[in-house]
N, C-alpha and C. Protein backbone atom coordinates (compact mmCIF):
# COMPACT_ATOMS: atom_id res chain seq x y z
N MET A 1 34.02 -47.41 19.36
CA MET A 1 34.01 -48.22 18.20
C MET A 1 34.01 -49.69 18.54
N GLU A 2 33.21 -50.44 17.87
CA GLU A 2 33.12 -51.87 18.12
C GLU A 2 34.01 -52.69 17.24
N GLU A 3 34.75 -53.59 17.74
CA GLU A 3 35.60 -54.46 16.92
C GLU A 3 34.82 -55.54 16.31
N GLY A 4 35.15 -56.06 15.10
CA GLY A 4 34.43 -57.08 14.43
C GLY A 4 35.38 -58.23 14.07
N ASP A 5 34.84 -59.24 13.45
CA ASP A 5 35.59 -60.43 13.04
C ASP A 5 36.20 -60.36 11.64
N ALA A 6 35.80 -59.35 10.91
CA ALA A 6 36.33 -59.21 9.53
C ALA A 6 36.40 -57.72 9.22
N ARG A 7 37.43 -57.35 8.41
CA ARG A 7 37.60 -55.97 8.00
C ARG A 7 37.18 -55.77 6.58
N PHE A 8 36.43 -54.77 6.28
CA PHE A 8 35.99 -54.42 4.87
C PHE A 8 36.24 -52.95 4.66
N PRO A 9 37.18 -52.57 3.87
CA PRO A 9 37.41 -51.11 3.59
C PRO A 9 36.30 -50.57 2.70
N ASP A 10 36.00 -49.32 2.89
CA ASP A 10 35.04 -48.57 2.05
C ASP A 10 33.72 -49.37 1.86
N LEU A 11 33.35 -49.64 0.65
CA LEU A 11 32.13 -50.34 0.35
C LEU A 11 32.35 -51.75 -0.21
N THR A 12 33.46 -52.33 0.19
CA THR A 12 33.75 -53.72 -0.39
C THR A 12 32.80 -54.76 0.10
N PHE A 13 32.18 -54.54 1.26
CA PHE A 13 31.27 -55.58 1.76
C PHE A 13 30.02 -55.75 0.77
N LEU A 14 29.73 -54.63 0.10
CA LEU A 14 28.62 -54.73 -0.88
C LEU A 14 28.91 -55.66 -2.03
N GLN A 15 30.22 -55.70 -2.48
CA GLN A 15 30.65 -56.59 -3.51
C GLN A 15 30.46 -58.08 -3.06
N LEU A 16 30.79 -58.29 -1.78
CA LEU A 16 30.57 -59.66 -1.25
C LEU A 16 29.08 -59.95 -1.08
N LEU A 17 28.32 -59.05 -0.59
CA LEU A 17 26.91 -59.20 -0.30
C LEU A 17 26.13 -59.53 -1.61
N PHE A 18 26.45 -58.84 -2.70
CA PHE A 18 25.74 -59.06 -3.97
C PHE A 18 26.34 -60.11 -4.84
N GLY A 19 27.42 -60.82 -4.38
CA GLY A 19 27.95 -61.95 -5.09
C GLY A 19 28.89 -61.57 -6.20
N PHE A 20 29.25 -60.30 -6.32
CA PHE A 20 30.17 -59.83 -7.35
C PHE A 20 31.56 -60.41 -7.24
N ARG A 21 32.07 -60.51 -6.00
CA ARG A 21 33.41 -61.09 -5.71
C ARG A 21 33.28 -62.02 -4.50
N SER A 22 34.13 -63.04 -4.51
CA SER A 22 34.21 -63.88 -3.33
C SER A 22 35.12 -63.22 -2.27
N PHE A 23 35.07 -63.73 -1.07
CA PHE A 23 35.89 -63.11 -0.02
C PHE A 23 37.36 -63.25 -0.33
N GLU A 24 37.76 -64.36 -0.99
CA GLU A 24 39.12 -64.57 -1.32
C GLU A 24 39.61 -63.53 -2.35
N GLU A 25 38.70 -63.22 -3.32
CA GLU A 25 39.03 -62.22 -4.35
C GLU A 25 39.14 -60.84 -3.70
N LEU A 26 38.30 -60.58 -2.72
CA LEU A 26 38.41 -59.31 -1.98
C LEU A 26 39.77 -59.13 -1.25
N MET A 27 40.18 -60.21 -0.65
CA MET A 27 41.42 -60.23 0.09
C MET A 27 42.60 -59.99 -0.79
N VAL A 28 42.56 -60.45 -2.02
CA VAL A 28 43.62 -60.25 -3.03
C VAL A 28 43.60 -58.82 -3.56
N ALA A 29 42.40 -58.31 -3.79
CA ALA A 29 42.29 -56.96 -4.39
C ALA A 29 42.47 -55.84 -3.31
N PHE A 30 42.11 -56.14 -2.10
CA PHE A 30 42.23 -55.07 -1.03
C PHE A 30 43.00 -55.64 0.10
N VAL A 31 44.21 -55.13 0.31
CA VAL A 31 45.06 -55.73 1.35
C VAL A 31 44.50 -55.51 2.74
N ASP A 32 43.65 -54.50 2.98
CA ASP A 32 43.11 -54.25 4.30
C ASP A 32 41.78 -54.93 4.49
N CYS A 33 41.41 -55.89 3.65
CA CYS A 33 40.22 -56.71 3.76
C CYS A 33 40.67 -58.13 4.24
N TYR A 34 40.36 -58.43 5.46
CA TYR A 34 40.82 -59.69 6.05
C TYR A 34 39.92 -60.17 7.20
N PRO A 35 39.93 -61.53 7.47
CA PRO A 35 39.20 -62.02 8.63
C PRO A 35 40.08 -62.05 9.83
N SER A 36 39.46 -62.19 11.03
CA SER A 36 40.23 -62.24 12.26
C SER A 36 40.76 -63.59 12.53
N ASP A 37 40.12 -64.67 11.95
CA ASP A 37 40.55 -66.04 12.14
C ASP A 37 40.00 -66.93 11.02
N ASN A 38 40.36 -68.15 11.03
CA ASN A 38 39.98 -69.08 9.95
C ASN A 38 38.48 -69.40 10.00
N THR A 39 37.90 -69.43 11.21
CA THR A 39 36.44 -69.67 11.34
C THR A 39 35.70 -68.59 10.60
N THR A 40 36.09 -67.35 10.81
CA THR A 40 35.37 -66.25 10.14
C THR A 40 35.50 -66.36 8.64
N ARG A 41 36.69 -66.75 8.15
CA ARG A 41 36.92 -66.88 6.69
C ARG A 41 35.97 -67.95 6.12
N VAL A 42 35.83 -69.08 6.80
CA VAL A 42 34.97 -70.17 6.35
C VAL A 42 33.52 -69.73 6.37
N LEU A 43 33.10 -69.04 7.42
CA LEU A 43 31.76 -68.59 7.54
C LEU A 43 31.39 -67.58 6.43
N LEU A 44 32.25 -66.64 6.10
CA LEU A 44 32.01 -65.69 5.07
C LEU A 44 31.88 -66.39 3.69
N ARG A 45 32.75 -67.39 3.48
CA ARG A 45 32.67 -68.13 2.24
C ARG A 45 31.33 -68.88 2.10
N VAL A 46 30.84 -69.42 3.16
CA VAL A 46 29.56 -70.20 3.10
C VAL A 46 28.37 -69.27 2.97
N LEU A 47 28.37 -68.16 3.74
CA LEU A 47 27.23 -67.22 3.72
C LEU A 47 27.11 -66.39 2.48
N PHE A 48 28.29 -66.08 1.90
CA PHE A 48 28.26 -65.20 0.74
C PHE A 48 29.02 -65.77 -0.43
N PRO A 49 28.46 -66.75 -1.09
CA PRO A 49 29.16 -67.36 -2.27
C PRO A 49 29.16 -66.41 -3.48
N LYS A 50 30.13 -66.50 -4.32
CA LYS A 50 30.20 -65.74 -5.52
C LYS A 50 29.19 -66.29 -6.49
N ARG A 51 28.33 -65.41 -7.06
CA ARG A 51 27.37 -65.86 -8.01
C ARG A 51 26.84 -64.71 -8.80
N PRO A 52 26.30 -64.93 -9.98
CA PRO A 52 25.75 -63.85 -10.84
C PRO A 52 24.63 -63.15 -10.04
N SER A 53 24.57 -61.83 -10.20
CA SER A 53 23.45 -61.08 -9.63
C SER A 53 23.06 -60.00 -10.57
N HIS A 54 21.84 -59.54 -10.38
CA HIS A 54 21.29 -58.49 -11.25
C HIS A 54 20.66 -57.43 -10.38
N VAL A 55 21.26 -56.24 -10.32
CA VAL A 55 20.76 -55.19 -9.53
C VAL A 55 19.95 -54.23 -10.41
N ILE A 56 18.74 -54.00 -10.03
CA ILE A 56 17.88 -53.07 -10.81
C ILE A 56 17.87 -51.70 -10.17
N PRO A 57 18.25 -50.66 -10.85
CA PRO A 57 18.28 -49.36 -10.27
C PRO A 57 16.82 -48.86 -10.05
N LEU A 58 16.68 -48.10 -8.98
CA LEU A 58 15.29 -47.52 -8.65
C LEU A 58 15.26 -46.10 -9.28
N GLY A 59 14.14 -45.80 -9.78
CA GLY A 59 13.92 -44.43 -10.23
C GLY A 59 13.98 -44.19 -11.73
């Protein structure tokens, strides 16, 4: 198993990826969602800002 710089339980990364929640909101909602250091926290905030999104189902 490879170690990473941030922990995302279950499918919480998808909420960050699609802009549904910010990383700070994920850390409050899920106690096991956290960065390894402050640099990672800043990078996730810049790369994945919270914003409205529209997901269209296929099929």
